[in-house]
Every structure is written in C-alpha cells, then in structure tokens.
C-alpha cells in the first residue's frame, strides 16, 4: 500500500513502543511496524503533523479543539501538546493550511 493511499483516509497515527497504530475514518486500525518518527518522515507532505509526543494528526480531520484536545471528524478526541494546540486552533479559527 502506497503512503498516499494509506494517508488518504487516515485520521491519525498513535505511537506505542517501537510501532504505531494508524486510525482510519472507517474505524479500521492498522499496526505499522515502524516508530512514529519513521512514519512521520515517510508521510512528509501528506498533511500529517506531530501534535503530541505520541500522535500524528491529519490536520484536515480536526473539527474542534478545547483544553489541549482536538475533536476529529469521527468525534474522537486526541491529546495535543502546546504546538499541536496552536496548530489546530489556527487551522480551525482561520482555516490556515500550513
């Protein structure tokens, strides 16, 4: 599966240990046998941003934010660090696409 095909329906990727789990819009989860940092490098330019130590978010899937959490298009909440909070806030409030 190509990276662009993989990221097309991706909501976010979550790190755990030496692997990460990819969470898709249809509820499917796929275990990816690389560290999140490797997935982040391989998806550069695909609209994914490191918004927390353990999360890469497809920014276009963020529909809300509060208290350092992003609300996604599937109504799931994921945590944000300070950078992630500012990124999501600016994206939603100003529809700025980095």
N, C-alpha and C. Protein backbone atom coordinates (compact mmCIF):
# COMPACT_ATOMS: atom_id res chain seq x y z
N UNK A 1 0.86 -1.20 0.00
CA UNK A 1 0.00 0.00 0.00
C UNK A 1 0.89 1.24 0.00
N UNK A 2 0.68 2.14 -0.94
CA UNK A 2 1.49 3.34 -1.03
C UNK A 2 1.16 4.28 0.13
N UNK A 3 2.10 5.15 0.45
CA UNK A 3 1.91 6.10 1.55
C UNK A 3 0.72 7.00 1.27
N UNK A 4 0.59 7.53 0.04
CA UNK A 4 -0.53 8.43 -0.24
C UNK A 4 -1.87 7.71 -0.14
N UNK A 5 -1.92 6.43 -0.56
CA UNK A 5 -3.15 5.65 -0.40
C UNK A 5 -3.45 5.42 1.07
N UNK A 6 -2.38 5.18 1.83
CA UNK A 6 -2.53 4.90 3.26
C UNK A 6 -3.04 6.14 4.00
N UNK A 7 -2.55 7.31 3.61
CA UNK A 7 -2.91 8.53 4.34
C UNK A 7 -4.21 9.15 3.84
N UNK A 8 -4.71 8.70 2.71
CA UNK A 8 -5.93 9.26 2.12
C UNK A 8 -7.11 9.25 3.10
N UNK A 9 -7.32 8.14 3.79
CA UNK A 9 -8.44 8.01 4.73
C UNK A 9 -7.99 7.96 6.18
N UNK A 10 -6.79 8.41 6.42
CA UNK A 10 -6.22 8.38 7.77
C UNK A 10 -6.73 9.54 8.62
N UNK A 11 -7.05 9.26 9.87
CA UNK A 11 -7.38 10.31 10.84
C UNK A 11 -6.12 10.70 11.60
N UNK A 12 -5.47 9.70 12.20
CA UNK A 12 -4.25 9.95 12.95
C UNK A 12 -3.46 8.67 13.12
N UNK A 13 -2.22 8.85 13.55
CA UNK A 13 -1.35 7.72 13.89
C UNK A 13 -0.94 7.90 15.34
N UNK A 14 -0.95 6.81 16.08
CA UNK A 14 -0.61 6.84 17.50
C UNK A 14 0.56 5.90 17.75
N UNK A 15 1.55 6.41 18.45
CA UNK A 15 2.74 5.63 18.77
C UNK A 15 2.51 4.71 19.96
N UNK A 16 3.09 3.52 19.88
CA UNK A 16 3.18 2.66 21.06
C UNK A 16 4.44 1.81 20.92
N UNK A 17 5.38 2.04 21.81
CA UNK A 17 6.64 1.31 21.77
C UNK A 17 7.38 1.55 20.47
N UNK A 18 7.78 0.47 19.82
CA UNK A 18 8.54 0.54 18.57
C UNK A 18 7.63 0.57 17.34
N UNK A 19 6.33 0.65 17.54
CA UNK A 19 5.36 0.59 16.44
C UNK A 19 4.40 1.77 16.55
N UNK A 20 3.51 1.87 15.58
CA UNK A 20 2.42 2.84 15.68
C UNK A 20 1.17 2.21 15.09
N UNK A 21 0.04 2.72 15.53
CA UNK A 21 -1.25 2.27 15.02
C UNK A 21 -1.84 3.38 14.18
N UNK A 22 -2.27 3.04 12.98
CA UNK A 22 -2.92 4.00 12.10
C UNK A 22 -4.42 3.87 12.29
N UNK A 23 -5.10 4.98 12.53
CA UNK A 23 -6.54 5.01 12.77
C UNK A 23 -7.21 5.67 11.56
N UNK A 24 -8.12 4.94 10.92
CA UNK A 24 -8.75 5.40 9.69
C UNK A 24 -10.19 5.86 9.92
N UNK A 25 -10.72 6.63 8.95
CA UNK A 25 -12.07 7.19 9.03
C UNK A 25 -13.15 6.12 9.19
N UNK A 26 -12.94 4.96 8.58
CA UNK A 26 -13.95 3.90 8.64
C UNK A 26 -13.88 3.07 9.92
N UNK A 27 -13.00 3.48 10.86
CA UNK A 27 -12.87 2.76 12.12
C UNK A 27 -11.80 1.68 12.10
N UNK A 28 -11.25 1.40 10.92
CA UNK A 28 -10.20 0.39 10.81
C UNK A 28 -8.92 0.89 11.49
N UNK A 29 -8.20 -0.04 12.08
CA UNK A 29 -6.90 0.26 12.67
C UNK A 29 -5.88 -0.67 12.05
N UNK A 30 -4.72 -0.13 11.75
CA UNK A 30 -3.65 -0.91 11.14
C UNK A 30 -2.37 -0.71 11.93
N UNK A 31 -1.76 -1.80 12.34
CA UNK A 31 -0.49 -1.70 13.05
C UNK A 31 0.62 -1.53 12.03
N UNK A 32 1.46 -0.53 12.25
CA UNK A 32 2.56 -0.20 11.36
C UNK A 32 3.84 -0.51 12.11
N UNK A 33 4.69 -1.34 11.56
CA UNK A 33 5.86 -1.84 12.28
C UNK A 33 7.07 -0.92 12.26
N UNK A 34 6.83 0.36 12.37
CA UNK A 34 7.89 1.34 12.46
C UNK A 34 7.55 2.33 13.57
N UNK A 35 8.57 2.98 14.07
CA UNK A 35 8.34 4.06 15.04
C UNK A 35 7.54 5.18 14.37
N UNK A 36 6.86 5.95 15.18
CA UNK A 36 6.06 7.07 14.67
C UNK A 36 6.94 8.05 13.91
N UNK A 37 8.17 8.26 14.36
CA UNK A 37 9.07 9.21 13.69
C UNK A 37 9.39 8.76 12.26
N UNK A 38 9.49 7.44 12.03
CA UNK A 38 9.73 6.92 10.68
C UNK A 38 8.49 7.15 9.82
N UNK A 39 7.31 6.87 10.38
CA UNK A 39 6.07 7.11 9.64
C UNK A 39 5.94 8.60 9.32
N UNK A 40 6.31 9.45 10.27
CA UNK A 40 6.25 10.90 10.07
C UNK A 40 7.15 11.31 8.90
N UNK A 41 8.35 10.77 8.84
CA UNK A 41 9.27 11.08 7.73
C UNK A 41 8.70 10.61 6.40
N UNK A 42 8.14 9.41 6.39
CA UNK A 42 7.63 8.82 5.15
C UNK A 42 6.35 9.51 4.65
N UNK A 43 5.66 10.22 5.52
CA UNK A 43 4.41 10.88 5.12
C UNK A 43 4.58 12.39 5.01
N UNK A 44 5.80 12.85 4.98
CA UNK A 44 6.06 14.29 4.84
C UNK A 44 5.33 14.81 3.61
N UNK A 45 4.60 15.91 3.77
CA UNK A 45 3.86 16.50 2.65
C UNK A 45 2.46 15.92 2.46
N UNK A 46 2.05 15.01 3.33
CA UNK A 46 0.73 14.37 3.21
C UNK A 46 -0.31 15.00 4.15
N UNK A 47 0.03 16.13 4.80
CA UNK A 47 -0.94 16.81 5.67
C UNK A 47 -0.97 16.29 7.09
N UNK A 48 0.04 15.52 7.48
CA UNK A 48 0.12 14.99 8.85
C UNK A 48 1.09 15.84 9.66
N UNK A 49 0.72 16.11 10.90
CA UNK A 49 1.54 16.95 11.76
C UNK A 49 1.66 16.33 13.14
N UNK A 50 2.85 16.43 13.73
CA UNK A 50 3.08 15.91 15.08
C UNK A 50 2.44 16.92 16.04
N UNK A 51 1.33 16.53 16.66
CA UNK A 51 0.59 17.42 17.54
C UNK A 51 0.73 17.03 19.00
N UNK A 52 1.45 15.94 19.23
CA UNK A 52 1.65 15.41 20.58
C UNK A 52 2.81 14.43 20.46
N UNK A 53 3.45 14.15 21.57
CA UNK A 53 4.58 13.21 21.54
C UNK A 53 4.20 11.87 20.90
N UNK A 54 2.98 11.42 21.12
CA UNK A 54 2.55 10.11 20.64
C UNK A 54 1.56 10.15 19.47
N UNK A 55 1.29 11.33 18.90
CA UNK A 55 0.26 11.43 17.87
C UNK A 55 0.71 12.25 16.66
N UNK A 56 0.39 11.73 15.49
CA UNK A 56 0.45 12.47 14.23
C UNK A 56 -0.99 12.64 13.77
N UNK A 57 -1.39 13.85 13.50
CA UNK A 57 -2.78 14.14 13.13
C UNK A 57 -2.85 14.59 11.68
N UNK A 58 -3.84 14.07 10.96
CA UNK A 58 -4.15 14.63 9.65
C UNK A 58 -4.99 15.87 9.92
N UNK A 59 -4.35 17.01 9.80
CA UNK A 59 -4.93 18.28 10.25
C UNK A 59 -6.31 18.54 9.67
N UNK A 60 -6.54 18.14 8.44
CA UNK A 60 -7.83 18.40 7.80
C UNK A 60 -8.98 17.65 8.47
N UNK A 61 -8.67 16.68 9.34
CA UNK A 61 -9.70 15.92 10.05
C UNK A 61 -10.10 16.58 11.38
N UNK A 62 -9.41 17.63 11.79
CA UNK A 62 -9.73 18.33 13.03
C UNK A 62 -10.93 19.25 12.80
N UNK A 63 -11.96 19.08 13.65
CA UNK A 63 -13.16 19.92 13.50
C UNK A 63 -13.42 20.78 14.73
N UNK A 64 -12.63 20.58 15.80
CA UNK A 64 -12.80 21.36 17.01
C UNK A 64 -11.62 21.16 17.94
N UNK A 65 -11.57 21.97 18.99
CA UNK A 65 -10.48 21.86 19.96
C UNK A 65 -10.94 22.44 21.29
N UNK A 66 -10.34 21.97 22.36
CA UNK A 66 -10.58 22.50 23.70
C UNK A 66 -9.61 21.85 24.66
N UNK A 67 -9.14 22.61 25.64
CA UNK A 67 -8.33 22.04 26.72
C UNK A 67 -7.24 21.09 26.21
N UNK A 68 -6.52 21.52 25.21
CA UNK A 68 -5.42 20.72 24.66
C UNK A 68 -5.88 19.36 24.15
N UNK A 69 -7.04 19.34 23.50
CA UNK A 69 -7.54 18.17 22.80
C UNK A 69 -8.10 18.63 21.46
N UNK A 70 -7.94 17.75 20.47
CA UNK A 70 -8.55 18.00 19.16
C UNK A 70 -9.74 17.07 19.01
N UNK A 71 -10.84 17.62 18.49
CA UNK A 71 -12.01 16.80 18.15
C UNK A 71 -11.90 16.51 16.67
N UNK A 72 -11.98 15.23 16.33
CA UNK A 72 -11.83 14.81 14.94
C UNK A 72 -13.18 14.63 14.26
N UNK A 73 -13.15 14.46 12.96
CA UNK A 73 -14.37 14.33 12.17
C UNK A 73 -15.22 13.13 12.59
N UNK A 74 -14.63 12.15 13.28
CA UNK A 74 -15.39 11.00 13.77
C UNK A 74 -15.80 11.19 15.24
N UNK A 75 -15.66 12.41 15.74
CA UNK A 75 -15.98 12.81 17.12
C UNK A 75 -15.03 12.26 18.17
N UNK A 76 -13.95 11.64 17.77
CA UNK A 76 -12.94 11.16 18.71
C UNK A 76 -12.09 12.33 19.17
N UNK A 77 -11.60 12.26 20.39
CA UNK A 77 -10.71 13.28 20.94
C UNK A 77 -9.31 12.71 21.06
N UNK A 78 -8.32 13.51 20.65
CA UNK A 78 -6.93 13.11 20.87
C UNK A 78 -6.21 14.26 21.57
N UNK A 79 -5.18 13.95 22.36
CA UNK A 79 -4.46 14.99 23.09
C UNK A 79 -3.57 15.84 22.17
N UNK A 80 -3.34 17.06 22.59
CA UNK A 80 -2.47 17.97 21.87
C UNK A 80 -1.41 18.53 22.81
N UNK A 81 -0.20 18.72 22.30
CA UNK A 81 0.79 19.48 23.07
C UNK A 81 0.59 20.96 22.74
N UNK A 82 1.44 21.81 23.26
CA UNK A 82 1.27 23.25 23.05
C UNK A 82 1.33 23.60 21.56
N UNK A 83 2.30 23.03 20.85
CA UNK A 83 2.42 23.28 19.41
C UNK A 83 1.17 22.78 18.68
N UNK A 84 0.75 21.57 19.00
CA UNK A 84 -0.42 20.98 18.36
C UNK A 84 -1.68 21.79 18.60
N UNK A 85 -1.83 22.29 19.83
CA UNK A 85 -2.99 23.10 20.17
C UNK A 85 -3.02 24.36 19.31
N UNK A 86 -1.88 25.04 19.20
CA UNK A 86 -1.82 26.27 18.40
C UNK A 86 -2.08 25.97 16.92
N UNK A 87 -1.53 24.87 16.44
CA UNK A 87 -1.71 24.49 15.05
C UNK A 87 -3.19 24.21 14.74
N UNK A 88 -3.81 23.41 15.57
CA UNK A 88 -5.23 23.07 15.38
C UNK A 88 -6.10 24.32 15.55
N UNK A 89 -5.82 25.11 16.58
CA UNK A 89 -6.60 26.33 16.82
C UNK A 89 -6.52 27.27 15.61
N UNK A 90 -5.31 27.49 15.11
CA UNK A 90 -5.14 28.36 13.95
C UNK A 90 -5.81 27.79 12.71
N UNK A 91 -5.70 26.49 12.52
CA UNK A 91 -6.33 25.83 11.37
C UNK A 91 -7.84 26.02 11.40
N UNK A 92 -8.44 25.76 12.54
CA UNK A 92 -9.90 25.83 12.64
C UNK A 92 -10.39 27.28 12.66
N UNK A 93 -9.74 28.13 13.45
CA UNK A 93 -10.21 29.51 13.57
C UNK A 93 -9.99 30.31 12.30
N UNK A 94 -8.92 30.03 11.61
CA UNK A 94 -8.56 30.84 10.45
C UNK A 94 -8.57 30.06 9.15
N UNK A 95 -8.82 28.76 9.25
CA UNK A 95 -8.73 27.88 8.09
C UNK A 95 -7.41 28.09 7.36
N UNK A 96 -6.34 28.20 8.17
CA UNK A 96 -4.99 28.33 7.63
C UNK A 96 -4.47 26.92 7.38
N UNK A 97 -4.00 26.68 6.18
CA UNK A 97 -3.43 25.38 5.85
C UNK A 97 -1.92 25.52 5.79
N UNK A 98 -1.23 24.89 6.74
CA UNK A 98 0.24 25.03 6.75
C UNK A 98 0.89 24.35 5.55
